[in-house]
Amino acid sequence: MKPAVLTAGVAEPVIRLDGLRFAWPGQKVLLAIDDFVVAQGSTVLLQGASGSGKTTLLSLIVGVLSAQQGSVHVLGQNLSQMRPAQRDVFRGESIGVIFQLFNLLPFLSVRDNVLLPVRMFARRRLQIKDTDAQRREASRLVTALGLSDAVLDRQAHQLSVGQQQRVAAARALIGSPPLIVADEPTSALDEDTQSNFLALLIAQVRATGATLLMVSHDSRLAGQFDQVIRL
């Protein structure tokens, strides 16, 4: 099979993959991508059939996985040359990740879930040094994403799926990371709620000049993105 050549923008890439090959142990090559470029400030939707490697590709881009061949450059850093612990710190400092299952800490409050990145990672904390300012920013993001301030003191496990989704997005956005990566964050929502949430998310991404790379199987969302890549 001829390797894929994928491009989403050309100037000052936030993401650049060169000659990437990845396979799970004992299996044939799952991903073969010669060129994949995402430009700064763009919003990109990644689509593909089940099993095509969308989530695996995101895991390579955020440094959870490491490719057998090729290079993965993110925000000017070559993740292929980093040790796993270095990639973990880099991801926490510079990439806001919205997981498909949200991965909130269930018995922490909404506020504490949102504030985790600025409490754990120095670069995110540099954007909002003052504790009161951090609390105000958590409140602002939760409100901007369609929730009431009243949820801030509730435990995450007490929220609906739609509410948890917005909290996960606020956590990814706090501290203004330059790259937001989202894996099927709207899969559990109905069409109207999907569209509304995505519009709010993209508005927050654009407000900070960040780049958004999102995976979704739902082609109805394509019109809200600068570019769509089919894997």
C-alpha atoms as a PDB file:
ATOM      1  CA  MET A   1       0.000   0.000   0.000  1.00  0.00           C
ATOM      2  CA  LYS A   2       1.333   3.427  -0.921  1.00  0.00           C
ATOM      3  CA  PRO A   3       2.092   5.554   2.187  1.00  0.00           C
ATOM      4  CA  ALA A   4      -0.321   8.407   2.836  1.00  0.00           C
ATOM      5  CA  VAL A   5       0.689  11.969   2.080  1.00  0.00           C
ATOM      6  CA  LEU A   6      -1.331  14.298   4.300  1.00  0.00           C
ATOM      7  CA  THR A   7      -1.095  18.071   4.503  1.00  0.00           C
ATOM      8  CA  ALA A   8      -3.135  20.588   6.528  1.00  0.00           C
ATOM      9  CA  GLY A   9      -1.500  23.966   6.036  1.00  0.00           C
ATOM     10  CA  VAL A  10       2.086  24.771   5.124  1.00  0.00           C
ATOM     11  CA  ALA A  11       3.477  27.725   7.110  1.00  0.00           C
ATOM     12  CA  GLU A  12       5.249  27.426  10.464  1.00  0.00           C
ATOM     13  CA  PRO A  13       3.953  23.945  11.251  1.00  0.00           C
ATOM     14  CA  VAL A  14       2.858  23.138  14.770  1.00  0.00           C
ATOM     15  CA  ILE A  15       2.907  19.450  13.801  1.00  0.00           C
ATOM     16  CA  ARG A  16       5.185  17.818  11.244  1.00  0.00           C
ATOM     17  CA  LEU A  17       5.505  14.082  10.694  1.00  0.00           C
ATOM     18  CA  ASP A  18       8.146  12.746   8.302  1.00  0.00           C
ATOM     19  CA  GLY A  19       8.371   9.145   7.120  1.00  0.00           C
ATOM     20  CA  LEU A  20       6.314   7.870  10.032  1.00  0.00           C
ATOM     21  CA  ARG A  21       5.745   4.119  10.380  1.00  0.00           C
ATOM     22  CA  PHE A  22       3.936   2.549  13.311  1.00  0.00           C
ATOM     23  CA  ALA A  23       2.789  -1.001  14.020  1.00  0.00           C
ATOM     24  CA  TRP A  24       1.583  -2.708  17.175  1.00  0.00           C
ATOM     25  CA  PRO A  25       3.792  -5.652  18.252  1.00  0.00           C
ATOM     26  CA  GLY A  26       3.327  -8.678  16.012  1.00  0.00           C
ATOM     27  CA  GLN A  27       1.169  -6.801  13.486  1.00  0.00           C
ATOM     28  CA  LYS A  28       1.686  -5.284  10.064  1.00  0.00           C
ATOM     29  CA  VAL A  29       2.189  -1.532   9.666  1.00  0.00           C
ATOM     30  CA  LEU A  30      -0.910   0.324  10.855  1.00  0.00           C
ATOM     31  CA  LEU A  31       0.252   3.831   9.929  1.00  0.00           C
ATOM     32  CA  ALA A  32       2.491   4.811   7.009  1.00  0.00           C
ATOM     33  CA  ILE A  33       2.580   8.595   6.624  1.00  0.00           C
ATOM     34  CA  ASP A  34       5.290  10.263   4.571  1.00  0.00           C
ATOM     35  CA  ASP A  35       4.241  13.840   5.263  1.00  0.00           C
ATOM     36  CA  PHE A  36       1.735  15.366   7.684  1.00  0.00           C
ATOM     37  CA  VAL A  37       1.804  19.102   8.408  1.00  0.00           C
ATOM     38  CA  VAL A  38      -0.540  21.218  10.529  1.00  0.00           C
ATOM     39  CA  ALA A  39      -0.033  24.977  10.449  1.00  0.00           C
ATOM     40  CA  GLN A  40      -0.105  27.299  13.423  1.00  0.00           C
ATOM     41  CA  GLY A  41      -3.539  28.590  14.352  1.00  0.00           C
ATOM     42  CA  SER A  42      -5.450  26.152  12.139  1.00  0.00           C
ATOM     43  CA  THR A  43      -8.388  23.950  13.110  1.00  0.00           C
ATOM     44  CA  VAL A  44      -8.117  20.488  11.585  1.00  0.00           C
ATOM     45  CA  LEU A  45     -10.576  17.592  11.672  1.00  0.00           C
ATOM     46  CA  LEU A  46      -9.128  14.094  11.274  1.00  0.00           C
ATOM     47  CA  GLN A  47     -11.567  11.469  10.009  1.00  0.00           C
ATOM     48  CA  GLY A  48     -11.364   7.833   8.972  1.00  0.00           C
ATOM     49  CA  ALA A  49     -12.989   4.448   9.295  1.00  0.00           C
ATOM     50  CA  SER A  50     -12.854   2.519  12.546  1.00  0.00           C
ATOM     51  CA  GLY A  51      -9.442   0.897  12.831  1.00  0.00           C
ATOM     52  CA  SER A  52      -7.758   3.309  10.432  1.00  0.00           C
ATOM     53  CA  GLY A  53      -5.414   4.555  13.157  1.00  0.00           C
ATOM     54  CA  LYS A  54      -6.906   7.939  14.108  1.00  0.00           C
ATOM     55  CA  THR A  55      -6.478   7.537  17.864  1.00  0.00           C
ATOM     56  CA  THR A  56      -3.077   5.913  17.367  1.00  0.00           C
ATOM     57  CA  LEU A  57      -1.981   8.927  15.312  1.00  0.00           C
ATOM     58  CA  LEU A  58      -3.100  11.306  18.060  1.00  0.00           C
ATOM     59  CA  SER A  59      -1.194   9.197  20.596  1.00  0.00           C
ATOM     60  CA  LEU A  60       1.964   9.552  18.496  1.00  0.00           C
ATOM     61  CA  ILE A  61       1.478  13.313  18.172  1.00  0.00           C
ATOM     62  CA  VAL A  62       1.054  13.837  21.922  1.00  0.00           C
ATOM     63  CA  GLY A  63       3.911  11.486  22.750  1.00  0.00           C
ATOM     64  CA  VAL A  64       2.007   8.670  24.431  1.00  0.00           C
ATOM     65  CA  LEU A  65       3.338   6.316  21.740  1.00  0.00           C
ATOM     66  CA  SER A  66       6.629   6.339  19.857  1.00  0.00           C
ATOM     67  CA  ALA A  67       6.944   5.444  16.161  1.00  0.00           C
ATOM     68  CA  GLN A  68       9.234   2.661  14.941  1.00  0.00           C
ATOM     69  CA  GLN A  69      10.415   4.843  12.055  1.00  0.00           C
ATOM     70  CA  GLY A  70      10.333   8.511  11.110  1.00  0.00           C
ATOM     71  CA  SER A  71      10.132  11.694  13.124  1.00  0.00           C
ATOM     72  CA  VAL A  72       7.365  13.462  15.018  1.00  0.00           C
ATOM     73  CA  HIS A  73       7.955  17.209  15.432  1.00  0.00           C
ATOM     74  CA  VAL A  74       5.471  19.077  17.638  1.00  0.00           C
ATOM     75  CA  LEU A  75       5.883  22.766  18.462  1.00  0.00           C
ATOM     76  CA  GLY A  76       9.451  22.635  17.215  1.00  0.00           C
ATOM     77  CA  GLN A  77      10.411  19.644  19.377  1.00  0.00           C
ATOM     78  CA  ASN A  78      11.384  16.237  17.993  1.00  0.00           C
ATOM     79  CA  LEU A  79       9.403  13.827  20.157  1.00  0.00           C
ATOM     80  CA  SER A  80      11.191  10.897  18.519  1.00  0.00           C
ATOM     81  CA  GLN A  81      14.376  11.907  20.326  1.00  0.00           C
ATOM     82  CA  MET A  82      12.771  12.303  23.766  1.00  0.00           C
ATOM     83  CA  ARG A  83      12.591   9.742  26.537  1.00  0.00           C
ATOM     84  CA  PRO A  84       9.062   8.778  27.673  1.00  0.00           C
ATOM     85  CA  ALA A  85       9.300  10.914  30.836  1.00  0.00           C
ATOM     86  CA  GLN A  86      10.388  13.931  28.768  1.00  0.00           C
ATOM     87  CA  ARG A  87       7.439  13.453  26.436  1.00  0.00           C
ATOM     88  CA  ASP A  88       5.087  13.293  29.430  1.00  0.00           C
ATOM     89  CA  VAL A  89       6.328  16.651  30.725  1.00  0.00           C
ATOM     90  CA  PHE A  90       6.235  18.197  27.254  1.00  0.00           C
ATOM     91  CA  ARG A  91       2.649  17.056  26.775  1.00  0.00           C
ATOM     92  CA  GLY A  92       1.557  18.465  30.130  1.00  0.00           C
ATOM     93  CA  GLU A  93       3.308  21.780  29.523  1.00  0.00           C
ATOM     94  CA  SER A  94       2.365  22.439  25.905  1.00  0.00           C
ATOM     95  CA  ILE A  95      -0.585  20.307  24.763  1.00  0.00           C
ATOM     96  CA  GLY A  96      -4.154  20.424  26.011  1.00  0.00           C
ATOM     97  CA  VAL A  97      -5.654  16.965  25.526  1.00  0.00           C
ATOM     98  CA  ILE A  98      -9.390  16.273  25.535  1.00  0.00           C
ATOM     99  CA  PHE A  99      -9.797  12.528  25.935  1.00  0.00           C
ATOM    100  CA  GLN A 100     -12.741  10.615  24.489  1.00  0.00           C
ATOM    101  CA  LEU A 101     -13.758   9.439  27.973  1.00  0.00           C
ATOM    102  CA  PHE A 102     -12.746  12.809  29.502  1.00  0.00           C
ATOM    103  CA  ASN A 103     -10.502  11.242  32.225  1.00  0.00           C
ATOM    104  CA  LEU A 104     -11.690  13.581  34.965  1.00  0.00           C
ATOM    105  CA  LEU A 105     -10.773  12.728  38.550  1.00  0.00           C
ATOM    106  CA  PRO A 106     -14.246  11.783  39.816  1.00  0.00           C
ATOM    107  CA  PHE A 107     -14.044  12.877  43.453  1.00  0.00           C
ATOM    108  CA  LEU A 108     -12.291  16.174  42.825  1.00  0.00           C
ATOM    109  CA  SER A 109     -14.401  19.262  42.343  1.00  0.00           C
ATOM    110  CA  VAL A 110     -14.915  20.703  38.889  1.00  0.00           C
ATOM    111  CA  ARG A 111     -12.675  23.625  39.852  1.00  0.00           C
ATOM    112  CA  ASP A 112      -9.861  21.339  40.984  1.00  0.00           C
ATOM    113  CA  ASN A 113     -10.130  19.234  37.814  1.00  0.00           C
ATOM    114  CA  VAL A 114      -9.864  22.314  35.636  1.00  0.00           C
ATOM    115  CA  LEU A 115      -6.924  23.690  37.640  1.00  0.00           C
ATOM    116  CA  LEU A 116      -4.836  20.502  37.562  1.00  0.00           C
ATOM    117  CA  PRO A 117      -2.614  21.550  34.602  1.00  0.00           C
ATOM    118  CA  VAL A 118      -1.619  24.903  36.130  1.00  0.00           C
ATOM    119  CA  ARG A 119      -0.890  23.234  39.452  1.00  0.00           C
ATOM    120  CA  MET A 120       1.212  20.467  37.916  1.00  0.00           C
ATOM    121  CA  PHE A 121       3.070  22.125  35.032  1.00  0.00           C
ATOM    122  CA  ALA A 122       5.266  25.204  35.229  1.00  0.00           C
ATOM    123  CA  ARG A 123       4.672  26.504  31.717  1.00  0.00           C
ATOM    124  CA  ARG A 124       0.905  26.444  32.125  1.00  0.00           C
ATOM    125  CA  ARG A 125       1.290  28.082  35.555  1.00  0.00           C
ATOM    126  CA  LEU A 126       3.420  30.893  34.097  1.00  0.00           C
ATOM    127  CA  GLN A 127       0.404  32.034  32.098  1.00  0.00           C
ATOM    128  CA  ILE A 128      -1.629  32.528  35.311  1.00  0.00           C
ATOM    129  CA  LYS A 129       0.678  32.856  38.319  1.00  0.00           C
ATOM    130  CA  ASP A 130      -1.724  34.201  40.919  1.00  0.00           C
ATOM    131  CA  THR A 131      -3.983  31.685  42.690  1.00  0.00           C
ATOM    132  CA  ASP A 132      -7.002  33.985  42.591  1.00  0.00           C
ATOM    133  CA  ALA A 133      -6.415  34.605  38.889  1.00  0.00           C
ATOM    134  CA  GLN A 134      -6.289  30.857  38.309  1.00  0.00           C
ATOM    135  CA  ARG A 135      -9.649  30.430  40.022  1.00  0.00           C
ATOM    136  CA  ARG A 136     -11.123  33.278  37.958  1.00  0.00           C
ATOM    137  CA  GLU A 137      -9.809  31.731  34.752  1.00  0.00           C
ATOM    138  CA  ALA A 138     -11.312  28.354  35.655  1.00  0.00           C
ATOM    139  CA  SER A 139     -14.641  30.084  36.208  1.00  0.00           C
ATOM    140  CA  ARG A 140     -14.336  32.032  32.949  1.00  0.00           C
ATOM    141  CA  LEU A 141     -13.581  28.929  30.882  1.00  0.00           C
ATOM    142  CA  VAL A 142     -16.379  26.868  32.418  1.00  0.00           C
ATOM    143  CA  THR A 143     -18.824  29.705  31.747  1.00  0.00           C
ATOM    144  CA  ALA A 144     -17.498  30.287  28.204  1.00  0.00           C
ATOM    145  CA  LEU A 145     -18.042  26.603  27.442  1.00  0.00           C
ATOM    146  CA  GLY A 146     -21.679  26.751  28.452  1.00  0.00           C
ATOM    147  CA  LEU A 147     -21.759  25.818  32.140  1.00  0.00           C
ATOM    148  CA  SER A 148     -22.815  27.766  35.197  1.00  0.00           C
ATOM    149  CA  ASP A 149     -20.448  28.829  37.975  1.00  0.00           C
ATOM    150  CA  ALA A 150     -22.629  26.690  40.221  1.00  0.00           C
ATOM    151  CA  VAL A 151     -20.934  23.498  38.993  1.00  0.00           C
ATOM    152  CA  LEU A 152     -17.448  24.561  40.124  1.00  0.00           C
ATOM    153  CA  ASP A 153     -17.827  23.122  43.620  1.00  0.00           C
ATOM    154  CA  ARG A 154     -19.554  19.922  42.539  1.00  0.00           C
ATOM    155  CA  GLN A 155     -17.617  16.674  42.240  1.00  0.00           C
ATOM    156  CA  ALA A 156     -16.942  15.554  38.675  1.00  0.00           C
ATOM    157  CA  HIS A 157     -18.815  12.248  39.085  1.00  0.00           C
ATOM    158  CA  GLN A 158     -22.011  14.187  39.856  1.00  0.00           C
ATOM    159  CA  LEU A 159     -22.086  15.767  36.386  1.00  0.00           C
ATOM    160  CA  SER A 160     -23.871  14.656  33.232  1.00  0.00           C
ATOM    161  CA  VAL A 161     -21.843  13.479  30.228  1.00  0.00           C
ATOM    162  CA  GLY A 162     -22.326  16.824  28.515  1.00  0.00           C
ATOM    163  CA  GLN A 163     -21.167  18.718  31.585  1.00  0.00           C
ATOM    164  CA  GLN A 164     -18.113  16.483  31.992  1.00  0.00           C
ATOM    165  CA  GLN A 165     -17.225  17.114  28.367  1.00  0.00           C
ATOM    166  CA  ARG A 166     -17.135  20.860  28.937  1.00  0.00           C
ATOM    167  CA  VAL A 167     -15.068  20.486  32.107  1.00  0.00           C
ATOM    168  CA  ALA A 168     -12.553  18.341  30.197  1.00  0.00           C
ATOM    169  CA  ALA A 169     -12.319  21.045  27.534  1.00  0.00           C
ATOM    170  CA  ALA A 170     -11.791  23.769  30.147  1.00  0.00           C
ATOM    171  CA  ARG A 171      -8.989  21.700  31.703  1.00  0.00           C
ATOM    172  CA  ALA A 172      -7.331  21.335  28.284  1.00  0.00           C
ATOM    173  CA  LEU A 173      -7.573  25.068  27.589  1.00  0.00           C
ATOM    174  CA  ILE A 174      -6.409  26.513  30.904  1.00  0.00           C
ATOM    175  CA  GLY A 175      -2.948  28.040  30.801  1.00  0.00           C
ATOM    176  CA  SER A 176      -3.272  28.654  27.029  1.00  0.00           C
ATOM    177  CA  PRO A 177      -1.355  25.667  25.620  1.00  0.00           C
ATOM    178  CA  PRO A 178      -0.461  26.313  21.960  1.00  0.00           C
ATOM    179  CA  LEU A 179      -1.886  22.972  20.788  1.00  0.00           C
ATOM    180  CA  ILE A 180      -5.236  21.372  21.627  1.00  0.00           C
ATOM    181  CA  VAL A 181      -5.758  17.718  20.660  1.00  0.00           C
ATOM    182  CA  ALA A 182      -9.212  16.158  21.022  1.00  0.00           C
ATOM    183  CA  ASP A 183     -10.186  12.511  20.514  1.00  0.00           C
ATOM    184  CA  GLU A 184     -13.888  12.089  19.658  1.00  0.00           C
ATOM    185  CA  PRO A 185     -14.972  14.587  22.346  1.00  0.00           C
ATOM    186  CA  THR A 186     -18.518  14.871  20.951  1.00  0.00           C
ATOM    187  CA  SER A 187     -19.261  11.176  20.364  1.00  0.00           C
ATOM    188  CA  ALA A 188     -21.765  10.879  23.237  1.00  0.00           C
ATOM    189  CA  LEU A 189     -23.740  14.005  22.340  1.00  0.00           C
ATOM    190  CA  ASP A 190     -26.746  14.646  20.111  1.00  0.00           C
ATOM    191  CA  GLU A 191     -26.358  16.718  16.944  1.00  0.00           C
ATOM    192  CA  ASP A 192     -27.464  20.079  18.363  1.00  0.00           C
ATOM    193  CA  THR A 193     -25.332  19.727  21.486  1.00  0.00           C
ATOM    194  CA  GLN A 194     -22.326  18.637  19.370  1.00  0.00           C
ATOM    195  CA  SER A 195     -22.538  21.711  17.170  1.00  0.00           C
ATOM    196  CA  ASN A 196     -22.967  24.101  20.087  1.00  0.00           C
ATOM    197  CA  PHE A 197     -20.082  22.624  22.073  1.00  0.00           C
ATOM    198  CA  LEU A 198     -17.750  22.617  19.070  1.00  0.00           C
ATOM    199  CA  ALA A 199     -18.523  26.252  18.277  1.00  0.00           C
ATOM    200  CA  LEU A 200     -17.697  27.245  21.860  1.00  0.00           C
ATOM    201  CA  LEU A 201     -14.486  25.161  21.840  1.00  0.00           C
ATOM    202  CA  ILE A 202     -13.245  26.626  18.555  1.00  0.00           C
ATOM    203  CA  ALA A 203     -14.026  30.157  19.761  1.00  0.00           C
ATOM    204  CA  GLN A 204     -11.814  29.609  22.815  1.00  0.00           C
ATOM    205  CA  VAL A 205      -9.035  28.067  20.709  1.00  0.00           C
ATOM    206  CA  ARG A 206      -9.076  30.987  18.291  1.00  0.00           C
ATOM    207  CA  ALA A 207      -9.077  33.524  21.130  1.00  0.00           C
ATOM    208  CA  THR A 208      -5.598  32.362  22.189  1.00  0.00           C
ATOM    209  CA  GLY A 209      -4.244  31.649  18.697  1.00  0.00           C
ATOM    210  CA  ALA A 210      -3.904  27.949  19.503  1.00  0.00           C
ATOM    211  CA  THR A 211      -4.074  25.091  17.009  1.00  0.00           C
ATOM    212  CA  LEU A 212      -6.807  22.440  17.202  1.00  0.00           C
ATOM    213  CA  LEU A 213      -6.476  18.884  15.916  1.00  0.00           C
ATOM    214  CA  MET A 214      -9.598  16.825  16.538  1.00  0.00           C
ATOM    215  CA  VAL A 215     -10.685  13.296  15.657  1.00  0.00           C
ATOM    216  CA  SER A 216     -14.334  12.598  14.901  1.00  0.00           C
ATOM    217  CA  HIS A 217     -16.236  10.067  12.836  1.00  0.00           C
ATOM    218  CA  ASP A 218     -19.083  12.570  12.329  1.00  0.00           C
ATOM    219  CA  SER A 219     -18.787  14.229   8.911  1.00  0.00           C
ATOM    220  CA  ARG A 220     -21.483  16.777   9.850  1.00  0.00           C
ATOM    221  CA  LEU A 221     -18.877  18.653  11.903  1.00  0.00           C
ATOM    222  CA  ALA A 222     -16.555  19.236   8.957  1.00  0.00           C
ATOM    223  CA  GLY A 223     -17.923  22.673   8.073  1.00  0.00           C
ATOM    224  CA  GLN A 224     -16.685  24.158  11.363  1.00  0.00           C
ATOM    225  CA  PHE A 225     -13.015  23.351  10.627  1.00  0.00           C
ATOM    226  CA  ASP A 226     -10.432  25.011   8.410  1.00  0.00           C
ATOM    227  CA  GLN A 227      -9.482  21.654   6.922  1.00  0.00           C
ATOM    228  CA  VAL A 228     -10.520  18.019   6.992  1.00  0.00           C
ATOM    229  CA  ILE A 229      -8.025  15.156   6.634  1.00  0.00           C
ATOM    230  CA  ARG A 230      -9.274  11.635   5.899  1.00  0.00           C
ATOM    231  CA  LEU A 231      -6.960   8.910   7.099  1.00  0.00           C
END
